[in-house]
């Protein structure tokens, strides 16, 4: 179905207005296990101030808002693009084993297992992370390490280059914990060419939805609530 979309966005370094003819598949946004899951559809991505990046390569990594321009994301060496083989089927969905049974911040284990291991497109519902004990338990004056809920490997460390309050404000605004390039442990994290963020062990984490400040990794808290590997 062809839609003609007029896009207007002003966010720090990015201001443009352009009409573009887009080919989009209009599908259902119905979650397969409501209310714990939601599907990030095209409308939600527009509302978040970022459109799915259709063209991404390690060399160019252009912020291709359907070819409408560039921002800081296009100037970065990140994200590191992963091979699709990372998400091949394994003994437990896309991972070798289930999520840990004692996740941090009272995250729901069943929800985490389905999102992390048997899912490529769905997410915990927007604001779910605020219903956990994260905001009560998280330290305000030091960095927090977020571990893979399956393997226990460190995936994100933050906040970096901003305060805890700034991290929380941005995360609340978008509905999910939101990380920047400098907060990603790139040894253990990759992005697929469609923007899906995953661990190198096949755990689904969330999606990269760039904005005018650069790459923004919107991550399911249930995917990064693990305890450190022994």
Protein backbone atom coordinates (compact mmCIF):
# COMPACT_ATOMS: atom_id res chain seq x y z
CA UNK A 1 0.00 0.00 0.00
CA UNK A 2 1.47 3.32 -1.03
CA UNK A 3 1.25 6.20 1.38
CA UNK A 4 2.37 9.77 0.83
CA UNK A 5 3.82 11.00 4.07
CA UNK A 6 4.85 14.54 4.97
CA UNK A 7 7.47 14.38 7.71
CA UNK A 8 8.32 17.29 9.95
CA UNK A 9 10.92 16.97 12.68
CA UNK A 10 12.97 19.47 14.64
CA UNK A 11 15.34 17.97 17.15
CA UNK A 12 18.52 19.88 17.85
CA UNK A 13 20.60 19.37 14.70
CA UNK A 14 17.88 17.94 12.46
CA UNK A 15 15.22 20.06 10.77
CA UNK A 16 13.54 19.13 7.56
CA UNK A 17 10.25 18.93 5.77
CA UNK A 18 9.97 16.58 2.83
CA UNK A 19 7.22 14.62 1.13
CA UNK A 20 8.10 11.06 0.26
CA UNK A 21 6.26 8.17 -1.29
CA UNK A 22 6.69 5.18 0.96
CA UNK A 23 5.85 1.54 0.47
CA UNK A 24 4.55 0.31 3.76
CA UNK A 25 2.77 -2.81 4.87
CA UNK A 26 -0.14 -1.97 7.09
CA UNK A 27 -0.28 -4.77 9.65
CA UNK A 28 -1.77 -5.50 12.98
CA UNK A 29 -0.20 -4.04 16.11
CA UNK A 30 -1.91 -6.64 18.26
CA UNK A 31 0.50 -8.19 20.76
CA UNK A 32 0.70 -11.96 21.01
CA UNK A 33 0.51 -11.84 24.82
CA UNK A 34 -1.13 -8.58 25.93
CA UNK A 35 -0.66 -6.58 28.04
CA UNK A 36 2.95 -7.64 28.59
CA UNK A 37 3.91 -7.31 24.94
CA UNK A 38 3.50 -4.68 22.28
CA UNK A 39 4.63 -4.53 18.67
CA UNK A 40 6.61 -1.50 17.56
CA UNK A 41 4.70 -0.57 14.44
CA UNK A 42 5.48 2.16 11.94
CA UNK A 43 3.14 4.66 13.59
CA UNK A 44 4.88 4.28 16.95
CA UNK A 45 8.24 4.80 15.31
CA UNK A 46 7.03 8.04 13.70
CA UNK A 47 5.65 9.19 17.03
CA UNK A 48 9.00 8.51 18.67
CA UNK A 49 10.55 11.00 16.25
CA UNK A 50 12.47 8.38 14.33
CA UNK A 51 11.72 6.31 11.27
CA UNK A 52 13.06 2.82 10.71
CA UNK A 53 16.46 2.95 9.11
CA UNK A 54 16.12 0.95 5.89
CA UNK A 55 19.70 1.18 4.64
CA UNK A 56 22.55 0.47 7.01
CA UNK A 57 26.08 -0.75 6.35
CA UNK A 58 29.23 -0.82 8.45
CA UNK A 59 30.90 1.65 6.10
CA UNK A 60 28.24 4.26 5.49
CA UNK A 61 25.68 3.68 8.24
CA UNK A 62 23.54 6.47 6.91
CA UNK A 63 20.69 7.87 8.95
CA UNK A 64 18.33 7.06 6.10
CA UNK A 65 15.02 8.51 7.14
CA UNK A 66 13.82 7.21 3.80
CA UNK A 67 16.66 9.22 2.25
CA UNK A 68 15.69 12.47 3.93
CA UNK A 69 18.95 13.46 5.54
CA UNK A 70 21.62 12.80 8.11
CA UNK A 71 22.22 13.47 11.77
CA UNK A 72 24.83 12.48 14.32
CA UNK A 73 23.95 8.79 13.88
CA UNK A 74 25.30 8.87 10.33
CA UNK A 75 28.61 10.27 11.55
CA UNK A 76 29.16 7.56 14.16
CA UNK A 77 31.14 4.33 13.80
CA UNK A 78 28.24 2.66 15.59
CA UNK A 79 26.20 0.58 15.71
CA UNK A 80 28.25 -2.51 14.93
CA UNK A 81 26.17 -4.52 12.47
CA UNK A 82 25.70 -8.19 13.26
CA UNK A 83 25.35 -11.15 10.95
CA UNK A 84 21.85 -12.60 10.72
CA UNK A 85 23.32 -15.96 11.80
CA UNK A 86 23.44 -14.59 15.35
CA UNK A 87 19.68 -15.04 15.51
CA UNK A 88 19.58 -18.55 14.05
CA UNK A 89 17.45 -21.08 15.94
CA UNK A 90 19.28 -22.80 18.79
CA UNK A 91 18.32 -25.17 21.57
CA UNK A 92 16.02 -22.59 23.21
CA UNK A 93 14.67 -20.33 20.51
CA UNK A 94 17.42 -17.94 19.39
CA UNK A 95 19.46 -18.69 22.53
CA UNK A 96 21.11 -21.79 23.93
CA UNK A 97 19.25 -21.67 27.26
CA UNK A 98 16.32 -19.92 29.00
CA UNK A 99 16.59 -16.65 30.87
CA UNK A 100 17.82 -16.70 34.45
CA UNK A 101 15.22 -17.57 37.07
CA UNK A 102 16.09 -14.75 39.47
CA UNK A 103 16.05 -11.62 37.30
CA UNK A 104 16.81 -8.25 38.86
CA UNK A 105 14.23 -5.58 39.67
CA UNK A 106 11.41 -8.15 39.96
CA UNK A 107 11.20 -8.55 36.18
CA UNK A 108 8.76 -11.22 35.06
CA UNK A 109 10.68 -14.35 34.05
CA UNK A 110 8.03 -15.73 31.69
CA UNK A 111 7.75 -12.43 29.83
CA UNK A 112 11.52 -12.14 29.66
CA UNK A 113 11.94 -15.63 28.23
CA UNK A 114 9.45 -15.03 25.44
CA UNK A 115 10.85 -11.62 24.52
CA UNK A 116 14.50 -12.62 24.77
CA UNK A 117 14.42 -16.06 23.18
CA UNK A 118 11.34 -16.46 20.98
CA UNK A 119 10.85 -13.03 19.50
CA UNK A 120 12.26 -10.62 16.92
CA UNK A 121 9.65 -7.85 16.80
CA UNK A 122 7.69 -7.55 20.03
CA UNK A 123 8.47 -5.65 23.22
CA UNK A 124 7.38 -5.33 26.81
CA UNK A 125 4.61 -2.72 26.96
CA UNK A 126 5.70 0.92 27.02
CA UNK A 127 6.39 1.97 30.60
CA UNK A 128 6.73 -1.59 31.90
CA UNK A 129 10.17 -0.78 33.31
CA UNK A 130 8.57 1.86 35.57
CA UNK A 131 6.35 -0.81 37.17
CA UNK A 132 9.38 -2.79 38.33
CA UNK A 133 11.60 -1.97 41.32
CA UNK A 134 14.28 -0.46 39.07
CA UNK A 135 13.63 3.19 39.94
CA UNK A 136 13.56 2.38 43.65
CA UNK A 137 16.73 0.30 43.66
CA UNK A 138 18.95 1.96 41.04
CA UNK A 139 21.80 4.08 42.46
CA UNK A 140 21.70 7.76 41.52
CA UNK A 141 25.39 8.56 41.81
CA UNK A 142 27.14 5.71 39.98
CA UNK A 143 26.99 3.77 36.73
CA UNK A 144 24.66 0.78 36.47
CA UNK A 145 25.69 -2.36 34.57
CA UNK A 146 22.85 -4.07 32.71
CA UNK A 147 23.47 -7.79 32.12
CA UNK A 148 22.05 -10.17 29.51
CA UNK A 149 19.04 -11.90 31.06
CA UNK A 150 20.18 -15.17 29.47
CA UNK A 151 23.96 -15.26 29.67
CA UNK A 152 24.78 -12.69 32.34
CA UNK A 153 27.20 -10.85 30.06
CA UNK A 154 27.36 -7.04 30.45
CA UNK A 155 25.44 -5.29 27.66
CA UNK A 156 24.99 -1.68 28.74
CA UNK A 157 26.69 0.54 31.33
CA UNK A 158 25.11 3.85 32.15
CA UNK A 159 24.36 6.57 32.52
CA UNK A 160 27.51 7.87 30.84
CA UNK A 161 27.93 11.46 29.74
CA UNK A 162 24.66 12.40 31.47
CA UNK A 163 23.02 12.25 34.86
CA UNK A 164 20.73 9.52 36.13
CA UNK A 165 17.88 12.01 36.01
CA UNK A 166 18.57 12.71 32.33
CA UNK A 167 18.66 8.99 31.57
CA UNK A 168 15.33 8.47 33.33
CA UNK A 169 13.71 11.47 31.63
CA UNK A 170 14.65 10.23 28.16
CA UNK A 171 13.61 6.66 28.97
CA UNK A 172 10.22 7.78 30.29
CA UNK A 173 9.71 9.92 27.21
CA UNK A 174 10.20 6.96 24.87
CA UNK A 175 8.67 4.24 27.04
CA UNK A 176 11.73 1.99 27.33
CA UNK A 177 15.20 2.30 28.86
CA UNK A 178 17.13 4.26 26.23
CA UNK A 179 20.88 4.01 25.78
CA UNK A 180 23.44 5.88 23.66
CA UNK A 181 26.51 4.61 21.80
CA UNK A 182 28.90 5.25 24.68
CA UNK A 183 26.71 3.21 27.03
CA UNK A 184 26.78 0.04 24.92
CA UNK A 185 29.23 -2.81 25.64
CA UNK A 186 29.96 -3.44 21.96
CA UNK A 187 31.90 -6.61 22.69
CA UNK A 188 28.55 -8.23 23.47
CA UNK A 189 25.97 -6.23 21.46
CA UNK A 190 25.13 -6.03 17.75
CA UNK A 191 22.46 -4.40 15.59
CA UNK A 192 20.79 -6.12 12.67
CA UNK A 193 20.39 -4.22 9.42
CA UNK A 194 16.75 -3.48 10.24
CA UNK A 195 17.70 -1.86 13.56
CA UNK A 196 17.01 -4.81 15.85
CA UNK A 197 19.41 -4.78 18.81
CA UNK A 198 20.60 -8.21 19.97
CA UNK A 199 23.28 -9.79 22.09
CA UNK A 200 26.04 -11.76 20.39
CA UNK A 201 24.45 -14.86 21.93
CA UNK A 202 21.08 -14.36 20.26
CA UNK A 203 19.11 -12.52 22.96
CA UNK A 204 16.61 -10.03 21.54
CA UNK A 205 17.14 -6.70 23.28
CA UNK A 206 15.11 -4.03 21.47
CA UNK A 207 15.66 -1.64 18.56
CA UNK A 208 17.86 1.25 17.54
CA UNK A 209 15.62 4.26 16.86
CA UNK A 210 17.95 7.19 16.06
CA UNK A 211 16.97 10.76 16.79
CA UNK A 212 18.61 14.14 16.29
CA UNK A 213 21.20 13.37 18.98
CA UNK A 214 22.34 10.11 17.35
CA UNK A 215 21.70 6.41 17.86
CA UNK A 216 19.15 5.63 20.57
CA UNK A 217 18.83 2.02 21.68
CA UNK A 218 15.35 1.44 23.14
CA UNK A 219 15.79 -1.72 25.19
CA UNK A 220 13.43 -4.06 27.04
CA UNK A 221 14.31 -4.05 30.72
CA UNK A 222 13.43 -7.76 30.87
CA UNK A 223 16.22 -8.39 28.34
CA UNK A 224 18.92 -6.72 30.44
CA UNK A 225 17.86 -7.68 33.98
CA UNK A 226 20.26 -10.58 34.34
CA UNK A 227 22.77 -11.23 37.07
CA UNK A 228 26.46 -11.20 36.13
CA UNK A 229 27.86 -14.45 34.81
CA UNK A 230 29.79 -16.47 37.37
